[in-house]
């Protein structure tokens, strides 16, 4: 049983300080990298959204033009006869 206890590591103050130091270092490195890369990522997201919006607008305009072309076809009028003025006789 004594062999098991001697191989186990116990918590130390130096280990605690190392852990805190690593956490702080990771935080500042992450913060620095975020300042570098987040604007680039945000710009790409906005550009992609803009492209999708433009594609939707083009599709909508094409649909509207197709509907207008379908409605512009002249309809044939039935020829019933000549127009005759009607005068009322009293």
C-alpha atoms as a PDB file:
ATOM      1  CA  UNK A   1       0.000   0.000   0.000  1.00  0.00           C
ATOM      2  CA  UNK A   2       2.860   2.366   0.600  1.00  0.00           C
ATOM      3  CA  UNK A   3       4.035   1.943  -2.987  1.00  0.00           C
ATOM      4  CA  UNK A   4       0.680   3.227  -4.292  1.00  0.00           C
ATOM      5  CA  UNK A   5       0.803   6.361  -2.139  1.00  0.00           C
ATOM      6  CA  UNK A   6       4.389   7.176  -3.087  1.00  0.00           C
ATOM      7  CA  UNK A   7       3.628   7.004  -6.830  1.00  0.00           C
ATOM      8  CA  UNK A   8       0.630   9.291  -6.518  1.00  0.00           C
ATOM      9  CA  UNK A   9       1.348  12.945  -7.046  1.00  0.00           C
ATOM     10  CA  UNK A  10       0.025  15.341  -4.528  1.00  0.00           C
ATOM     11  CA  UNK A  11      -1.198  18.830  -5.282  1.00  0.00           C
ATOM     12  CA  UNK A  12       1.464  21.449  -4.826  1.00  0.00           C
ATOM     13  CA  UNK A  13       1.512  25.204  -4.775  1.00  0.00           C
ATOM     14  CA  UNK A  14       3.926  25.255  -7.740  1.00  0.00           C
ATOM     15  CA  UNK A  15       1.538  23.129  -9.803  1.00  0.00           C
ATOM     16  CA  UNK A  16      -1.316  25.458  -8.916  1.00  0.00           C
ATOM     17  CA  UNK A  17       0.694  28.508 -10.012  1.00  0.00           C
ATOM     18  CA  UNK A  18       1.625  26.799 -13.303  1.00  0.00           C
ATOM     19  CA  UNK A  19      -2.027  26.050 -13.966  1.00  0.00           C
ATOM     20  CA  UNK A  20      -3.050  29.645 -13.278  1.00  0.00           C
ATOM     21  CA  UNK A  21      -0.204  30.905 -15.483  1.00  0.00           C
ATOM     22  CA  UNK A  22      -1.278  28.618 -18.356  1.00  0.00           C
ATOM     23  CA  UNK A  23      -4.872  29.782 -18.062  1.00  0.00           C
ATOM     24  CA  UNK A  24      -3.847  33.449 -18.134  1.00  0.00           C
ATOM     25  CA  UNK A  25      -1.452  32.856 -21.065  1.00  0.00           C
ATOM     26  CA  UNK A  26      -4.148  30.997 -23.017  1.00  0.00           C
ATOM     27  CA  UNK A  27      -6.629  33.820 -22.344  1.00  0.00           C
ATOM     28  CA  UNK A  28      -4.302  36.536 -23.656  1.00  0.00           C
ATOM     29  CA  UNK A  29      -3.191  34.483 -26.659  1.00  0.00           C
ATOM     30  CA  UNK A  30      -6.833  33.771 -27.538  1.00  0.00           C
ATOM     31  CA  UNK A  31      -7.713  37.447 -27.098  1.00  0.00           C
ATOM     32  CA  UNK A  32      -4.836  38.511 -29.379  1.00  0.00           C
ATOM     33  CA  UNK A  33      -5.742  35.984 -32.080  1.00  0.00           C
ATOM     34  CA  UNK A  34      -9.401  36.972 -31.884  1.00  0.00           C
ATOM     35  CA  UNK A  35      -8.461  40.603 -32.583  1.00  0.00           C
ATOM     36  CA  UNK A  36      -6.542  39.452 -35.641  1.00  0.00           C
ATOM     37  CA  UNK A  37      -8.964  36.968 -37.157  1.00  0.00           C
ATOM     38  CA  UNK A  38     -12.492  37.964 -36.093  1.00  0.00           C
ATOM     39  CA  UNK A  39     -12.681  41.033 -38.370  1.00  0.00           C
ATOM     40  CA  UNK A  40     -11.629  38.897 -41.349  1.00  0.00           C
ATOM     41  CA  UNK A  41     -14.174  36.209 -40.479  1.00  0.00           C
ATOM     42  CA  UNK A  42     -16.925  38.775 -39.947  1.00  0.00           C
ATOM     43  CA  UNK A  43     -16.161  40.373 -43.313  1.00  0.00           C
ATOM     44  CA  UNK A  44     -16.403  37.009 -45.061  1.00  0.00           C
ATOM     45  CA  UNK A  45     -19.724  36.248 -43.364  1.00  0.00           C
ATOM     46  CA  UNK A  46     -21.141  39.612 -44.430  1.00  0.00           C
ATOM     47  CA  UNK A  47     -19.918  39.127 -48.015  1.00  0.00           C
ATOM     48  CA  UNK A  48     -21.486  35.680 -48.186  1.00  0.00           C
ATOM     49  CA  UNK A  49     -24.799  36.976 -46.833  1.00  0.00           C
ATOM     50  CA  UNK A  50     -24.671  39.805 -49.372  1.00  0.00           C
ATOM     51  CA  UNK A  51     -24.114  37.361 -52.232  1.00  0.00           C
ATOM     52  CA  UNK A  52     -27.017  35.198 -51.101  1.00  0.00           C
ATOM     53  CA  UNK A  53     -29.249  38.263 -50.895  1.00  0.00           C
ATOM     54  CA  UNK A  54     -28.255  39.318 -54.420  1.00  0.00           C
ATOM     55  CA  UNK A  55     -28.983  35.831 -55.745  1.00  0.00           C
ATOM     56  CA  UNK A  56     -32.421  35.879 -54.129  1.00  0.00           C
ATOM     57  CA  UNK A  57     -33.111  39.302 -55.651  1.00  0.00           C
ATOM     58  CA  UNK A  58     -32.086  38.084 -59.119  1.00  0.00           C
ATOM     59  CA  UNK A  59     -34.315  35.021 -58.818  1.00  0.00           C
ATOM     60  CA  UNK A  60     -37.225  37.185 -57.695  1.00  0.00           C
ATOM     61  CA  UNK A  61     -36.706  39.601 -60.598  1.00  0.00           C
ATOM     62  CA  UNK A  62     -36.540  36.721 -63.074  1.00  0.00           C
ATOM     63  CA  UNK A  63     -39.796  35.322 -61.698  1.00  0.00           C
ATOM     64  CA  UNK A  64     -41.449  38.727 -61.961  1.00  0.00           C
ATOM     65  CA  UNK A  65     -40.264  39.165 -65.551  1.00  0.00           C
ATOM     66  CA  UNK A  66     -41.548  35.708 -66.477  1.00  0.00           C
ATOM     67  CA  UNK A  67     -44.952  36.521 -64.954  1.00  0.00           C
ATOM     68  CA  UNK A  68     -45.104  39.836 -66.805  1.00  0.00           C
ATOM     69  CA  UNK A  69     -44.270  38.149 -70.118  1.00  0.00           C
ATOM     70  CA  UNK A  70     -47.025  35.612 -69.517  1.00  0.00           C
ATOM     71  CA  UNK A  71     -49.514  38.384 -68.774  1.00  0.00           C
ATOM     72  CA  UNK A  72     -48.449  40.565 -71.738  1.00  0.00           C
ATOM     73  CA  UNK A  73     -49.649  38.073 -74.338  1.00  0.00           C
ATOM     74  CA  UNK A  74     -52.607  39.719 -76.069  1.00  0.00           C
ATOM     75  CA  UNK A  75     -55.860  37.913 -75.781  1.00  0.00           C
ATOM     76  CA  UNK A  76     -57.963  37.513 -78.869  1.00  0.00           C
ATOM     77  CA  UNK A  77     -61.197  39.410 -78.779  1.00  0.00           C
ATOM     78  CA  UNK A  78     -64.267  37.832 -80.183  1.00  0.00           C
ATOM     79  CA  UNK A  79     -65.723  39.717 -83.110  1.00  0.00           C
ATOM     80  CA  UNK A  80     -69.448  39.810 -82.538  1.00  0.00           C
ATOM     81  CA  UNK A  81     -70.494  42.343 -85.161  1.00  0.00           C
ATOM     82  CA  UNK A  82     -70.522  46.019 -85.998  1.00  0.00           C
ATOM     83  CA  UNK A  83     -71.266  48.713 -83.502  1.00  0.00           C
ATOM     84  CA  UNK A  84     -74.571  50.399 -84.137  1.00  0.00           C
ATOM     85  CA  UNK A  85     -75.585  53.630 -82.478  1.00  0.00           C
ATOM     86  CA  UNK A  86     -78.814  53.257 -80.630  1.00  0.00           C
ATOM     87  CA  UNK A  87     -81.220  56.110 -80.578  1.00  0.00           C
ATOM     88  CA  UNK A  88     -84.178  56.067 -78.330  1.00  0.00           C
ATOM     89  CA  UNK A  89     -87.472  56.858 -79.975  1.00  0.00           C
ATOM     90  CA  UNK A  90     -90.163  58.509 -77.949  1.00  0.00           C
END
